[in-house]
């Protein structure tokens, strides 16, 4: 490296570190409306529970369609029963989401 390249690199690095000194002060508002982690966690759990509950309701409809179209095939009936079982488990988990979050918050707060 010659002296010209070295000086250019040093000047570039100096400008990079000194540039924030010349920037004007900007106030950035917090886009998150939750003040603490537990309220944020509760809001996220509510959103996830809504999504899981919606998907579980859709899967109950799909499993009903699978039952209707099974035409007496034991394998297709088995798949429809499995889909219904997992959809019901999803509904239970979505329903208990707030209780699960409350339990986790109480365990972490002690």
N, C-alpha and C. Protein backbone atom coordinates (compact mmCIF):
# COMPACT_ATOMS: atom_id res chain seq x y z
N UNK A 1 0.84 -1.18 0.00
CA UNK A 1 0.00 0.00 0.00
C UNK A 1 0.88 1.24 0.00
N UNK A 2 0.49 2.18 -0.79
CA UNK A 2 1.26 3.42 -0.80
C UNK A 2 0.65 4.41 0.19
N UNK A 3 1.32 5.54 0.35
CA UNK A 3 0.90 6.52 1.36
C UNK A 3 -0.44 7.15 1.01
N UNK A 4 -0.72 7.27 -0.29
CA UNK A 4 -1.97 7.90 -0.70
C UNK A 4 -3.17 7.04 -0.30
N UNK A 5 -3.08 5.74 -0.51
CA UNK A 5 -4.17 4.84 -0.12
C UNK A 5 -4.34 4.78 1.40
N UNK A 6 -3.25 4.77 2.12
CA UNK A 6 -3.30 4.73 3.57
C UNK A 6 -3.95 6.00 4.12
N UNK A 7 -3.59 7.14 3.58
CA UNK A 7 -4.18 8.40 4.02
C UNK A 7 -5.67 8.44 3.70
N UNK A 8 -6.05 7.92 2.56
CA UNK A 8 -7.47 7.89 2.18
C UNK A 8 -8.28 6.99 3.12
N UNK A 9 -7.71 5.86 3.50
CA UNK A 9 -8.39 4.95 4.43
C UNK A 9 -8.53 5.60 5.80
N UNK A 10 -7.49 6.25 6.28
CA UNK A 10 -7.53 6.91 7.59
C UNK A 10 -8.55 8.05 7.57
N UNK A 11 -8.58 8.82 6.48
CA UNK A 11 -9.54 9.90 6.36
C UNK A 11 -10.96 9.37 6.33
N UNK A 12 -11.18 8.28 5.61
CA UNK A 12 -12.52 7.70 5.53
C UNK A 12 -12.99 7.20 6.89
N UNK A 13 -12.13 6.55 7.61
CA UNK A 13 -12.49 6.05 8.95
C UNK A 13 -12.74 7.21 9.90
N UNK A 14 -11.95 8.26 9.81
CA UNK A 14 -12.15 9.42 10.68
C UNK A 14 -13.48 10.09 10.40
N UNK A 15 -13.82 10.25 9.12
CA UNK A 15 -15.10 10.85 8.77
C UNK A 15 -16.24 9.98 9.25
N UNK A 16 -16.08 8.66 9.14
CA UNK A 16 -17.12 7.74 9.58
C UNK A 16 -17.40 7.88 11.08
N UNK A 17 -16.34 8.04 11.87
CA UNK A 17 -16.53 8.16 13.31
C UNK A 17 -16.92 9.57 13.75
N UNK A 18 -16.56 10.59 12.99
CA UNK A 18 -16.88 11.97 13.36
C UNK A 18 -18.21 12.45 12.81
N UNK A 19 -18.78 11.73 11.86
CA UNK A 19 -20.03 12.13 11.24
C UNK A 19 -21.19 12.26 12.23
N UNK A 20 -21.33 11.37 13.20
CA UNK A 20 -22.45 11.53 14.16
C UNK A 20 -22.37 12.82 14.97
N UNK A 21 -21.19 13.40 15.11
CA UNK A 21 -21.08 14.65 15.86
C UNK A 21 -21.76 15.80 15.14
N UNK A 22 -21.84 15.73 13.84
CA UNK A 22 -22.44 16.80 13.05
C UNK A 22 -23.91 16.56 12.73
N UNK A 23 -24.41 15.42 13.09
CA UNK A 23 -25.82 15.12 12.81
C UNK A 23 -26.70 15.89 13.77
N UNK A 24 -27.87 16.28 13.30
CA UNK A 24 -28.80 17.01 14.17
C UNK A 24 -29.52 16.02 15.08
N UNK A 25 -29.94 16.50 16.23
CA UNK A 25 -30.63 15.64 17.19
C UNK A 25 -32.03 15.32 16.68
N UNK A 26 -32.36 14.06 16.67
CA UNK A 26 -33.66 13.60 16.21
C UNK A 26 -34.29 12.79 17.33
N UNK A 27 -35.54 13.08 17.63
CA UNK A 27 -36.25 12.32 18.65
C UNK A 27 -37.05 11.22 17.96
N UNK A 28 -36.81 10.00 18.37
CA UNK A 28 -37.51 8.85 17.81
C UNK A 28 -38.46 8.33 18.87
N UNK A 29 -39.73 8.30 18.53
CA UNK A 29 -40.72 7.78 19.47
C UNK A 29 -40.71 6.26 19.45
N UNK A 30 -41.00 5.68 20.59
CA UNK A 30 -41.04 4.23 20.70
C UNK A 30 -42.28 3.70 19.98
N UNK A 31 -42.09 2.87 18.93
CA UNK A 31 -43.26 2.36 18.22
C UNK A 31 -43.99 1.25 18.96
N UNK A 32 -43.35 0.67 19.97
CA UNK A 32 -43.97 -0.39 20.74
C UNK A 32 -44.77 0.25 21.86
N UNK A 33 -46.06 -0.07 21.93
CA UNK A 33 -46.91 0.59 22.91
C UNK A 33 -46.91 -0.09 24.27
N UNK A 34 -46.07 -1.09 24.45
CA UNK A 34 -46.01 -1.81 25.72
C UNK A 34 -44.80 -1.35 26.50
N UNK A 35 -45.00 -1.09 27.78
CA UNK A 35 -43.92 -0.54 28.59
C UNK A 35 -43.05 -1.60 29.25
N UNK A 36 -43.58 -2.80 29.41
CA UNK A 36 -42.78 -3.85 30.04
C UNK A 36 -42.91 -5.15 29.25
N UNK A 37 -42.02 -6.07 29.57
CA UNK A 37 -41.93 -7.31 28.82
C UNK A 37 -43.15 -8.20 29.01
N UNK A 38 -43.73 -8.19 30.20
CA UNK A 38 -44.86 -9.08 30.45
C UNK A 38 -46.10 -8.67 29.65
N UNK A 39 -46.33 -7.37 29.51
CA UNK A 39 -47.47 -6.94 28.70
C UNK A 39 -47.23 -7.23 27.22
N UNK A 40 -45.99 -7.10 26.77
CA UNK A 40 -45.66 -7.45 25.39
C UNK A 40 -45.87 -8.94 25.16
N UNK A 41 -45.44 -9.75 26.11
CA UNK A 41 -45.60 -11.20 26.02
C UNK A 41 -47.08 -11.59 26.00
N UNK A 42 -47.89 -10.92 26.80
CA UNK A 42 -49.32 -11.19 26.81
C UNK A 42 -49.96 -10.83 25.48
N UNK A 43 -49.56 -9.73 24.89
CA UNK A 43 -50.11 -9.32 23.60
C UNK A 43 -49.70 -10.30 22.50
N UNK A 44 -48.45 -10.74 22.51
CA UNK A 44 -48.00 -11.71 21.52
C UNK A 44 -48.75 -13.02 21.68
N UNK A 45 -48.92 -13.45 22.92
CA UNK A 45 -49.65 -14.70 23.17
C UNK A 45 -51.10 -14.60 22.71
N UNK A 46 -51.71 -13.46 22.89
CA UNK A 46 -53.08 -13.27 22.42
C UNK A 46 -53.18 -13.35 20.91
N UNK A 47 -52.21 -12.75 20.22
CA UNK A 47 -52.21 -12.81 18.76
C UNK A 47 -51.97 -14.23 18.26
N UNK A 48 -51.02 -14.92 18.89
CA UNK A 48 -50.73 -16.30 18.49
C UNK A 48 -51.93 -17.21 18.79
N UNK A 49 -52.59 -16.99 19.92
CA UNK A 49 -53.77 -17.79 20.26
C UNK A 49 -54.89 -17.57 19.26
N UNK A 50 -55.04 -16.34 18.79
CA UNK A 50 -56.06 -16.06 17.78
C UNK A 50 -55.76 -16.79 16.48
N UNK A 51 -54.50 -16.78 16.08
CA UNK A 51 -54.11 -17.47 14.85
C UNK A 51 -54.30 -18.97 15.00
N UNK A 52 -53.85 -19.53 16.12
CA UNK A 52 -53.98 -20.97 16.35
C UNK A 52 -55.46 -21.38 16.41
N UNK A 53 -56.26 -20.59 17.09
CA UNK A 53 -57.69 -20.88 17.17
C UNK A 53 -58.36 -20.85 15.80
N UNK A 54 -58.00 -19.88 14.98
CA UNK A 54 -58.56 -19.80 13.64
C UNK A 54 -58.15 -20.99 12.79
N UNK A 55 -56.87 -21.35 12.87
CA UNK A 55 -56.40 -22.50 12.10
C UNK A 55 -57.04 -23.80 12.59
N UNK A 56 -57.25 -23.90 13.90
CA UNK A 56 -57.88 -25.11 14.44
C UNK A 56 -59.33 -25.21 13.97
N UNK A 57 -60.03 -24.09 13.93
CA UNK A 57 -61.41 -24.12 13.43
C UNK A 57 -61.43 -24.51 11.96
N UNK A 58 -60.49 -24.01 11.20
CA UNK A 58 -60.39 -24.40 9.79
C UNK A 58 -60.08 -25.88 9.65
N UNK A 59 -59.22 -26.40 10.51
CA UNK A 59 -58.88 -27.83 10.44
C UNK A 59 -60.05 -28.72 10.85
N UNK A 60 -60.93 -28.24 11.72
CA UNK A 60 -62.13 -29.01 12.05
C UNK A 60 -63.02 -29.13 10.81
N UNK A 61 -63.12 -28.04 10.07
CA UNK A 61 -63.90 -28.09 8.82
C UNK A 61 -63.24 -29.04 7.82
N UNK A 62 -61.91 -28.98 7.72
CA UNK A 62 -61.19 -29.87 6.80
C UNK A 62 -61.37 -31.33 7.21
N UNK A 63 -61.30 -31.60 8.51
CA UNK A 63 -61.47 -32.99 8.94
C UNK A 63 -62.89 -33.48 8.68
N UNK A 64 -63.88 -32.61 8.80
CA UNK A 64 -65.25 -32.99 8.44
C UNK A 64 -65.35 -33.31 6.96
N UNK A 65 -64.67 -32.51 6.14
CA UNK A 65 -64.65 -32.80 4.70
C UNK A 65 -63.97 -34.14 4.43
N UNK A 66 -62.89 -34.43 5.17
CA UNK A 66 -62.20 -35.71 5.00
C UNK A 66 -63.10 -36.89 5.40
N UNK A 67 -63.89 -36.72 6.48
CA UNK A 67 -64.84 -37.76 6.87
C UNK A 67 -65.87 -38.01 5.77
N UNK A 68 -66.39 -36.93 5.22
CA UNK A 68 -67.44 -37.06 4.20
C UNK A 68 -66.89 -37.73 2.94
N UNK A 69 -65.68 -37.37 2.57
CA UNK A 69 -65.11 -37.91 1.32
C UNK A 69 -64.35 -39.22 1.52
N UNK A 70 -64.38 -39.78 2.72
CA UNK A 70 -63.61 -41.00 2.95
C UNK A 70 -64.19 -42.22 2.24
N UNK A 71 -65.48 -42.23 1.99
CA UNK A 71 -66.17 -43.32 1.28
C UNK A 71 -65.95 -44.67 1.97
N UNK A 72 -65.84 -44.67 3.27
CA UNK A 72 -65.71 -45.91 4.02
C UNK A 72 -64.31 -46.48 4.08
N UNK A 73 -63.33 -45.79 3.51
CA UNK A 73 -61.95 -46.28 3.53
C UNK A 73 -61.39 -46.12 4.94
N UNK A 74 -60.92 -47.23 5.54
CA UNK A 74 -60.40 -47.13 6.92
C UNK A 74 -59.19 -46.20 7.05
N UNK A 75 -58.34 -46.17 6.04
CA UNK A 75 -57.16 -45.30 6.08
C UNK A 75 -57.56 -43.83 6.04
N UNK A 76 -58.52 -43.48 5.21
CA UNK A 76 -58.97 -42.09 5.12
C UNK A 76 -59.72 -41.66 6.38
N UNK A 77 -60.49 -42.58 6.96
CA UNK A 77 -61.18 -42.28 8.21
C UNK A 77 -60.17 -42.06 9.33
N UNK A 78 -59.11 -42.87 9.33
CA UNK A 78 -58.05 -42.71 10.33
C UNK A 78 -57.38 -41.35 10.20
N UNK A 79 -57.11 -40.91 8.96
CA UNK A 79 -56.51 -39.59 8.74
C UNK A 79 -57.46 -38.48 9.17
N UNK A 80 -58.75 -38.64 8.91
CA UNK A 80 -59.73 -37.63 9.31
C UNK A 80 -59.83 -37.53 10.83
N UNK A 81 -59.80 -38.68 11.51
CA UNK A 81 -59.84 -38.68 12.98
C UNK A 81 -58.60 -38.01 13.56
N UNK A 82 -57.44 -38.29 12.96
CA UNK A 82 -56.20 -37.66 13.43
C UNK A 82 -56.25 -36.15 13.23
N UNK A 83 -56.77 -35.70 12.09
CA UNK A 83 -56.89 -34.26 11.84
C UNK A 83 -57.84 -33.62 12.85
N UNK A 84 -58.93 -34.29 13.16
CA UNK A 84 -59.88 -33.76 14.14
C UNK A 84 -59.27 -33.71 15.54
N UNK A 85 -58.53 -34.76 15.89
CA UNK A 85 -57.88 -34.80 17.21
C UNK A 85 -56.89 -33.65 17.35
N UNK A 86 -56.04 -33.44 16.35
CA UNK A 86 -55.05 -32.36 16.43
C UNK A 86 -55.71 -30.99 16.39
N UNK A 87 -56.83 -30.86 15.68
CA UNK A 87 -57.54 -29.59 15.66
C UNK A 87 -58.12 -29.28 17.03
N UNK A 88 -58.66 -30.28 17.70
CA UNK A 88 -59.20 -30.07 19.04
C UNK A 88 -58.09 -29.73 20.02
N UNK A 89 -56.95 -30.41 19.90
CA UNK A 89 -55.80 -30.07 20.75
C UNK A 89 -55.37 -28.63 20.51
N UNK A 90 -55.36 -28.20 19.26
CA UNK A 90 -55.03 -26.81 18.93
C UNK A 90 -56.00 -25.83 19.55
N UNK A 91 -57.30 -26.16 19.53
CA UNK A 91 -58.30 -25.30 20.16
C UNK A 91 -58.07 -25.19 21.67
N UNK A 92 -57.72 -26.30 22.29
CA UNK A 92 -57.48 -26.30 23.74
C UNK A 92 -56.26 -25.44 24.06
N UNK A 93 -55.19 -25.61 23.29
CA UNK A 93 -53.98 -24.82 23.52
C UNK A 93 -54.27 -23.33 23.32
N UNK A 94 -55.02 -23.00 22.28
CA UNK A 94 -55.37 -21.59 22.03
C UNK A 94 -56.22 -21.05 23.17
N UNK A 95 -57.11 -21.86 23.70
CA UNK A 95 -57.95 -21.43 24.81
C UNK A 95 -57.18 -21.25 26.10
N UNK A 96 -56.15 -22.05 26.29
CA UNK A 96 -55.37 -21.98 27.52
C UNK A 96 -54.15 -21.06 27.42
N UNK A 97 -54.00 -20.37 26.31
CA UNK A 97 -52.81 -19.54 26.10
C UNK A 97 -52.65 -18.48 27.18
N UNK A 98 -53.72 -17.82 27.54
CA UNK A 98 -53.61 -16.79 28.57
C UNK A 98 -53.26 -17.39 29.93
N UNK A 99 -53.79 -18.56 30.22
CA UNK A 99 -53.46 -19.22 31.49
C UNK A 99 -51.99 -19.66 31.51
N UNK A 100 -51.51 -20.12 30.36
CA UNK A 100 -50.10 -20.53 30.28
C UNK A 100 -49.20 -19.33 30.49
N UNK A 101 -49.52 -18.21 29.86
CA UNK A 101 -48.72 -16.99 30.02
C UNK A 101 -48.77 -16.49 31.46
N UNK A 102 -49.93 -16.54 32.09
CA UNK A 102 -50.04 -16.10 33.48
C UNK A 102 -49.20 -16.98 34.39
N UNK A 103 -49.17 -18.29 34.11
CA UNK A 103 -48.36 -19.20 34.90
C UNK A 103 -46.87 -18.91 34.72
N UNK A 104 -46.46 -18.69 33.49
CA UNK A 104 -45.04 -18.38 33.22
C UNK A 104 -44.66 -17.07 33.89
N UNK A 105 -45.52 -16.06 33.84
CA UNK A 105 -45.21 -14.78 34.49
C UNK A 105 -45.11 -14.94 35.99
N UNK A 106 -45.98 -15.75 36.59
CA UNK A 106 -45.91 -15.92 38.04
C UNK A 106 -44.66 -16.69 38.45
N UNK A 107 -44.24 -17.66 37.63
CA UNK A 107 -43.02 -18.41 37.94
C UNK A 107 -41.78 -17.51 37.79
N UNK A 108 -41.77 -16.68 36.74
CA UNK A 108 -40.60 -15.82 36.54
C UNK A 108 -40.53 -14.67 37.51
N UNK A 109 -41.66 -14.24 38.06
CA UNK A 109 -41.65 -13.11 38.98
C UNK A 109 -41.19 -13.51 40.38
N UNK A 110 -41.19 -14.78 40.71
CA UNK A 110 -40.76 -15.20 42.04
C UNK A 110 -39.30 -15.55 42.09
